[in-house]
Amino acid sequence: MKTKKIPMRRCVGCMESKPKTQLLRIAGYEGHVSVDLTGKAKGRGVYLCPDTQCFEKAQKRRAIGRNLEMELSSEQLESLFEELKKYEEKNR
């Protein structure tokens, strides 16, 4: 019997590879950035652990904007951080 392959993705904060289901996808498309809870939003995506420490590490290294290949304003990063905090509180 064949076992199903688990898709792995790398967090841009801690740089650890984890199963795709444990990470949050951040999608960037035509200048808009959002947390993609479905994993199916249009555009380029980066993956992040659903905790604030990884977000802060990624923010410090500018990994989100670089991997999405777009410039992110501080307002866009702030709104992503707010969405991430809501998600984190909801899933405790």
N, C-alpha and C. Protein backbone atom coordinates (compact mmCIF):
# COMPACT_ATOMS: atom_id res chain seq x y z
N MET A 1 0.84 -1.19 0.00
CA MET A 1 0.00 0.00 0.00
C MET A 1 0.89 1.26 0.00
N LYS A 2 0.50 2.20 -0.83
CA LYS A 2 1.28 3.43 -0.95
C LYS A 2 0.84 4.45 0.09
N THR A 3 1.83 5.09 0.74
CA THR A 3 1.48 6.15 1.68
C THR A 3 1.43 7.46 0.92
N LYS A 4 0.54 8.33 1.36
CA LYS A 4 0.38 9.61 0.69
C LYS A 4 1.53 10.54 1.07
N LYS A 5 2.09 11.21 0.09
CA LYS A 5 3.19 12.13 0.31
C LYS A 5 2.66 13.42 0.95
N ILE A 6 3.32 13.87 2.00
CA ILE A 6 2.90 15.10 2.69
C ILE A 6 3.70 16.26 2.11
N PRO A 7 3.01 17.27 1.53
CA PRO A 7 3.75 18.41 0.97
C PRO A 7 4.41 19.23 2.08
N MET A 8 5.69 19.50 1.91
CA MET A 8 6.44 20.28 2.89
C MET A 8 6.71 21.68 2.34
N ARG A 9 6.70 22.66 3.23
CA ARG A 9 7.01 24.04 2.85
C ARG A 9 7.95 24.61 3.90
N ARG A 10 8.73 25.62 3.51
CA ARG A 10 9.67 26.24 4.43
C ARG A 10 9.14 27.57 4.93
N CYS A 11 9.17 27.74 6.25
CA CYS A 11 8.76 29.00 6.88
C CYS A 11 9.82 30.05 6.58
N VAL A 12 9.39 31.25 6.13
CA VAL A 12 10.36 32.31 5.82
C VAL A 12 10.85 33.00 7.10
N GLY A 13 10.28 32.67 8.25
CA GLY A 13 10.73 33.24 9.51
C GLY A 13 11.85 32.42 10.13
N CYS A 14 11.53 31.16 10.49
CA CYS A 14 12.50 30.31 11.18
C CYS A 14 13.30 29.43 10.22
N MET A 15 12.92 29.41 8.96
CA MET A 15 13.58 28.62 7.92
C MET A 15 13.51 27.11 8.15
N GLU A 16 12.49 26.65 8.87
CA GLU A 16 12.30 25.22 9.09
C GLU A 16 11.28 24.69 8.09
N SER A 17 11.52 23.49 7.57
CA SER A 17 10.55 22.84 6.69
C SER A 17 9.54 22.11 7.56
N LYS A 18 8.27 22.36 7.27
CA LYS A 18 7.18 21.73 8.02
C LYS A 18 6.08 21.32 7.05
N PRO A 19 5.18 20.42 7.48
CA PRO A 19 4.05 20.08 6.61
C PRO A 19 3.24 21.33 6.27
N LYS A 20 2.81 21.41 5.02
CA LYS A 20 2.08 22.58 4.51
C LYS A 20 0.88 22.95 5.37
N THR A 21 0.22 21.94 5.96
CA THR A 21 -0.98 22.17 6.75
C THR A 21 -0.69 22.91 8.06
N GLN A 22 0.56 22.88 8.55
CA GLN A 22 0.91 23.55 9.80
C GLN A 22 1.30 25.01 9.60
N LEU A 23 1.45 25.43 8.35
CA LEU A 23 1.91 26.78 8.06
C LEU A 23 0.80 27.64 7.48
N LEU A 24 0.94 28.95 7.62
CA LEU A 24 0.01 29.91 7.01
C LEU A 24 0.60 30.39 5.70
N ARG A 25 -0.24 30.54 4.70
CA ARG A 25 0.23 31.07 3.41
C ARG A 25 -0.10 32.55 3.35
N ILE A 26 0.87 33.33 2.92
CA ILE A 26 0.65 34.75 2.67
C ILE A 26 0.76 34.93 1.17
N ALA A 27 -0.32 35.45 0.57
CA ALA A 27 -0.37 35.58 -0.88
C ALA A 27 -0.19 37.03 -1.29
N GLY A 28 0.57 37.24 -2.35
CA GLY A 28 0.75 38.56 -2.92
C GLY A 28 0.34 38.55 -4.38
N TYR A 29 -0.57 39.44 -4.75
CA TYR A 29 -1.05 39.48 -6.12
C TYR A 29 -1.37 40.91 -6.50
N GLU A 30 -0.75 41.40 -7.54
CA GLU A 30 -0.98 42.75 -8.07
C GLU A 30 -0.93 43.83 -6.98
N GLY A 31 0.09 43.77 -6.14
CA GLY A 31 0.28 44.80 -5.12
C GLY A 31 -0.50 44.61 -3.84
N HIS A 32 -1.37 43.60 -3.77
CA HIS A 32 -2.15 43.33 -2.57
C HIS A 32 -1.57 42.12 -1.86
N VAL A 33 -1.51 42.21 -0.54
CA VAL A 33 -0.98 41.11 0.27
C VAL A 33 -2.02 40.74 1.30
N SER A 34 -2.22 39.43 1.50
CA SER A 34 -3.18 38.99 2.51
C SER A 34 -2.82 37.61 3.03
N VAL A 35 -3.34 37.29 4.21
CA VAL A 35 -3.19 35.95 4.76
C VAL A 35 -4.20 35.07 4.02
N ASP A 36 -3.71 33.99 3.44
CA ASP A 36 -4.54 33.10 2.62
C ASP A 36 -4.87 31.85 3.43
N LEU A 37 -6.04 31.84 4.05
CA LEU A 37 -6.42 30.71 4.90
C LEU A 37 -6.79 29.47 4.10
N THR A 38 -7.22 29.66 2.85
CA THR A 38 -7.62 28.52 2.02
C THR A 38 -6.41 27.85 1.36
N GLY A 39 -5.34 28.61 1.16
CA GLY A 39 -4.17 28.06 0.48
C GLY A 39 -4.33 28.04 -1.03
N LYS A 40 -5.39 28.68 -1.53
CA LYS A 40 -5.68 28.63 -2.96
C LYS A 40 -5.79 30.00 -3.62
N ALA A 41 -5.44 31.06 -2.89
CA ALA A 41 -5.57 32.41 -3.45
C ALA A 41 -4.60 32.62 -4.61
N LYS A 42 -4.98 33.51 -5.50
CA LYS A 42 -4.15 33.83 -6.66
C LYS A 42 -2.85 34.46 -6.23
N GLY A 43 -1.84 34.29 -7.06
CA GLY A 43 -0.59 35.00 -6.85
C GLY A 43 0.49 34.17 -6.20
N ARG A 44 1.58 34.84 -5.96
CA ARG A 44 2.75 34.22 -5.36
C ARG A 44 2.52 34.07 -3.87
N GLY A 45 3.01 32.99 -3.29
CA GLY A 45 2.79 32.77 -1.86
C GLY A 45 4.07 32.48 -1.10
N VAL A 46 4.07 32.86 0.16
CA VAL A 46 5.14 32.47 1.08
C VAL A 46 4.48 31.84 2.29
N TYR A 47 5.22 30.99 2.97
CA TYR A 47 4.67 30.28 4.11
C TYR A 47 5.34 30.74 5.39
N LEU A 48 4.54 30.78 6.46
CA LEU A 48 5.00 31.29 7.74
C LEU A 48 4.36 30.47 8.85
N CYS A 49 5.13 30.17 9.90
CA CYS A 49 4.55 29.51 11.07
C CYS A 49 3.51 30.46 11.67
N PRO A 50 2.42 29.93 12.20
CA PRO A 50 1.38 30.82 12.74
C PRO A 50 1.73 31.36 14.12
N ASP A 51 2.92 31.95 14.27
CA ASP A 51 3.24 32.62 15.53
C ASP A 51 3.99 33.92 15.28
N THR A 52 3.88 34.81 16.24
CA THR A 52 4.40 36.16 16.06
C THR A 52 5.92 36.20 16.00
N GLN A 53 6.60 35.25 16.65
CA GLN A 53 8.08 35.23 16.61
C GLN A 53 8.59 35.03 15.19
N CYS A 54 8.00 34.10 14.47
CA CYS A 54 8.42 33.85 13.09
C CYS A 54 8.11 35.06 12.21
N PHE A 55 6.96 35.70 12.45
CA PHE A 55 6.61 36.89 11.67
C PHE A 55 7.65 37.98 11.89
N GLU A 56 8.04 38.17 13.16
CA GLU A 56 9.03 39.21 13.48
C GLU A 56 10.38 38.91 12.83
N LYS A 57 10.78 37.63 12.85
CA LYS A 57 12.05 37.25 12.19
C LYS A 57 11.99 37.53 10.70
N ALA A 58 10.87 37.16 10.08
CA ALA A 58 10.69 37.38 8.64
C ALA A 58 10.68 38.86 8.32
N GLN A 59 10.06 39.65 9.20
CA GLN A 59 9.98 41.09 9.00
C GLN A 59 11.36 41.73 9.10
N LYS A 60 12.15 41.27 10.06
CA LYS A 60 13.50 41.81 10.26
C LYS A 60 14.38 41.56 9.03
N ARG A 61 14.24 40.37 8.45
CA ARG A 61 15.05 40.01 7.28
C ARG A 61 14.41 40.44 5.96
N ARG A 62 13.23 41.05 6.04
CA ARG A 62 12.46 41.46 4.86
C ARG A 62 12.17 40.28 3.93
N ALA A 63 11.99 39.12 4.52
CA ALA A 63 11.81 37.88 3.76
C ALA A 63 10.46 37.81 3.04
N ILE A 64 9.42 38.38 3.62
CA ILE A 64 8.09 38.28 3.01
C ILE A 64 8.06 39.03 1.68
N GLY A 65 8.45 40.30 1.70
CA GLY A 65 8.47 41.09 0.47
C GLY A 65 9.42 40.53 -0.57
N ARG A 66 10.59 40.10 -0.13
CA ARG A 66 11.58 39.56 -1.07
C ARG A 66 11.06 38.29 -1.75
N ASN A 67 10.45 37.40 -0.97
CA ASN A 67 9.95 36.15 -1.55
C ASN A 67 8.70 36.34 -2.39
N LEU A 68 7.93 37.38 -2.08
CA LEU A 68 6.75 37.68 -2.91
C LEU A 68 7.15 38.51 -4.13
N GLU A 69 8.41 38.95 -4.15
CA GLU A 69 8.95 39.78 -5.23
C GLU A 69 8.17 41.08 -5.38
N MET A 70 7.90 41.73 -4.23
CA MET A 70 7.21 43.01 -4.25
C MET A 70 7.63 43.84 -3.04
N GLU A 71 7.53 45.15 -3.18
CA GLU A 71 7.82 46.05 -2.06
C GLU A 71 6.60 46.10 -1.14
N LEU A 72 6.82 45.92 0.14
CA LEU A 72 5.72 45.98 1.10
C LEU A 72 5.86 47.24 1.95
N SER A 73 4.78 47.98 2.06
CA SER A 73 4.80 49.17 2.92
C SER A 73 4.65 48.74 4.37
N SER A 74 4.97 49.63 5.28
CA SER A 74 4.82 49.30 6.71
C SER A 74 3.35 49.07 7.06
N GLU A 75 2.44 49.76 6.34
CA GLU A 75 1.00 49.55 6.59
C GLU A 75 0.59 48.13 6.19
N GLN A 76 1.10 47.65 5.05
CA GLN A 76 0.77 46.29 4.61
C GLN A 76 1.30 45.27 5.62
N LEU A 77 2.53 45.47 6.09
CA LEU A 77 3.10 44.55 7.08
C LEU A 77 2.30 44.59 8.38
N GLU A 78 1.88 45.78 8.77
CA GLU A 78 1.10 45.93 10.00
C GLU A 78 -0.24 45.20 9.89
N SER A 79 -0.91 45.32 8.74
CA SER A 79 -2.20 44.64 8.58
C SER A 79 -2.01 43.12 8.54
N LEU A 80 -0.91 42.64 7.95
CA LEU A 80 -0.61 41.20 7.97
C LEU A 80 -0.41 40.72 9.41
N PHE A 81 0.32 41.53 10.19
CA PHE A 81 0.59 41.19 11.58
C PHE A 81 -0.71 41.11 12.37
N GLU A 82 -1.64 42.05 12.12
CA GLU A 82 -2.93 42.04 12.80
C GLU A 82 -3.72 40.78 12.44
N GLU A 83 -3.74 40.43 11.14
CA GLU A 83 -4.44 39.21 10.70
C GLU A 83 -3.83 37.97 11.36
N LEU A 84 -2.50 37.96 11.44
CA LEU A 84 -1.79 36.83 12.03
C LEU A 84 -2.13 36.70 13.51
N LYS A 85 -2.19 37.83 14.23
CA LYS A 85 -2.54 37.80 15.65
C LYS A 85 -3.96 37.27 15.87
N LYS A 86 -4.91 37.71 15.02
CA LYS A 86 -6.30 37.23 15.12
C LYS A 86 -6.34 35.72 14.91
N TYR A 87 -5.60 35.25 13.90
CA TYR A 87 -5.57 33.81 13.59
C TYR A 87 -4.98 33.04 14.76
N GLU A 88 -3.90 33.57 15.34
CA GLU A 88 -3.22 32.91 16.46
C GLU A 88 -4.15 32.80 17.68
N GLU A 89 -4.87 33.88 17.98
CA GLU A 89 -5.79 33.88 19.13
C GLU A 89 -6.94 32.92 18.92
N LYS A 90 -7.45 32.87 17.68
CA LYS A 90 -8.58 32.01 17.36
C LYS A 90 -8.21 30.53 17.47
N ASN A 91 -6.96 30.18 17.19
CA ASN A 91 -6.55 28.77 17.16
C ASN A 91 -5.76 28.33 18.39
N ARG A 92 -5.95 28.99 19.49
CA ARG A 92 -5.26 28.58 20.73
C ARG A 92 -5.99 27.47 21.41
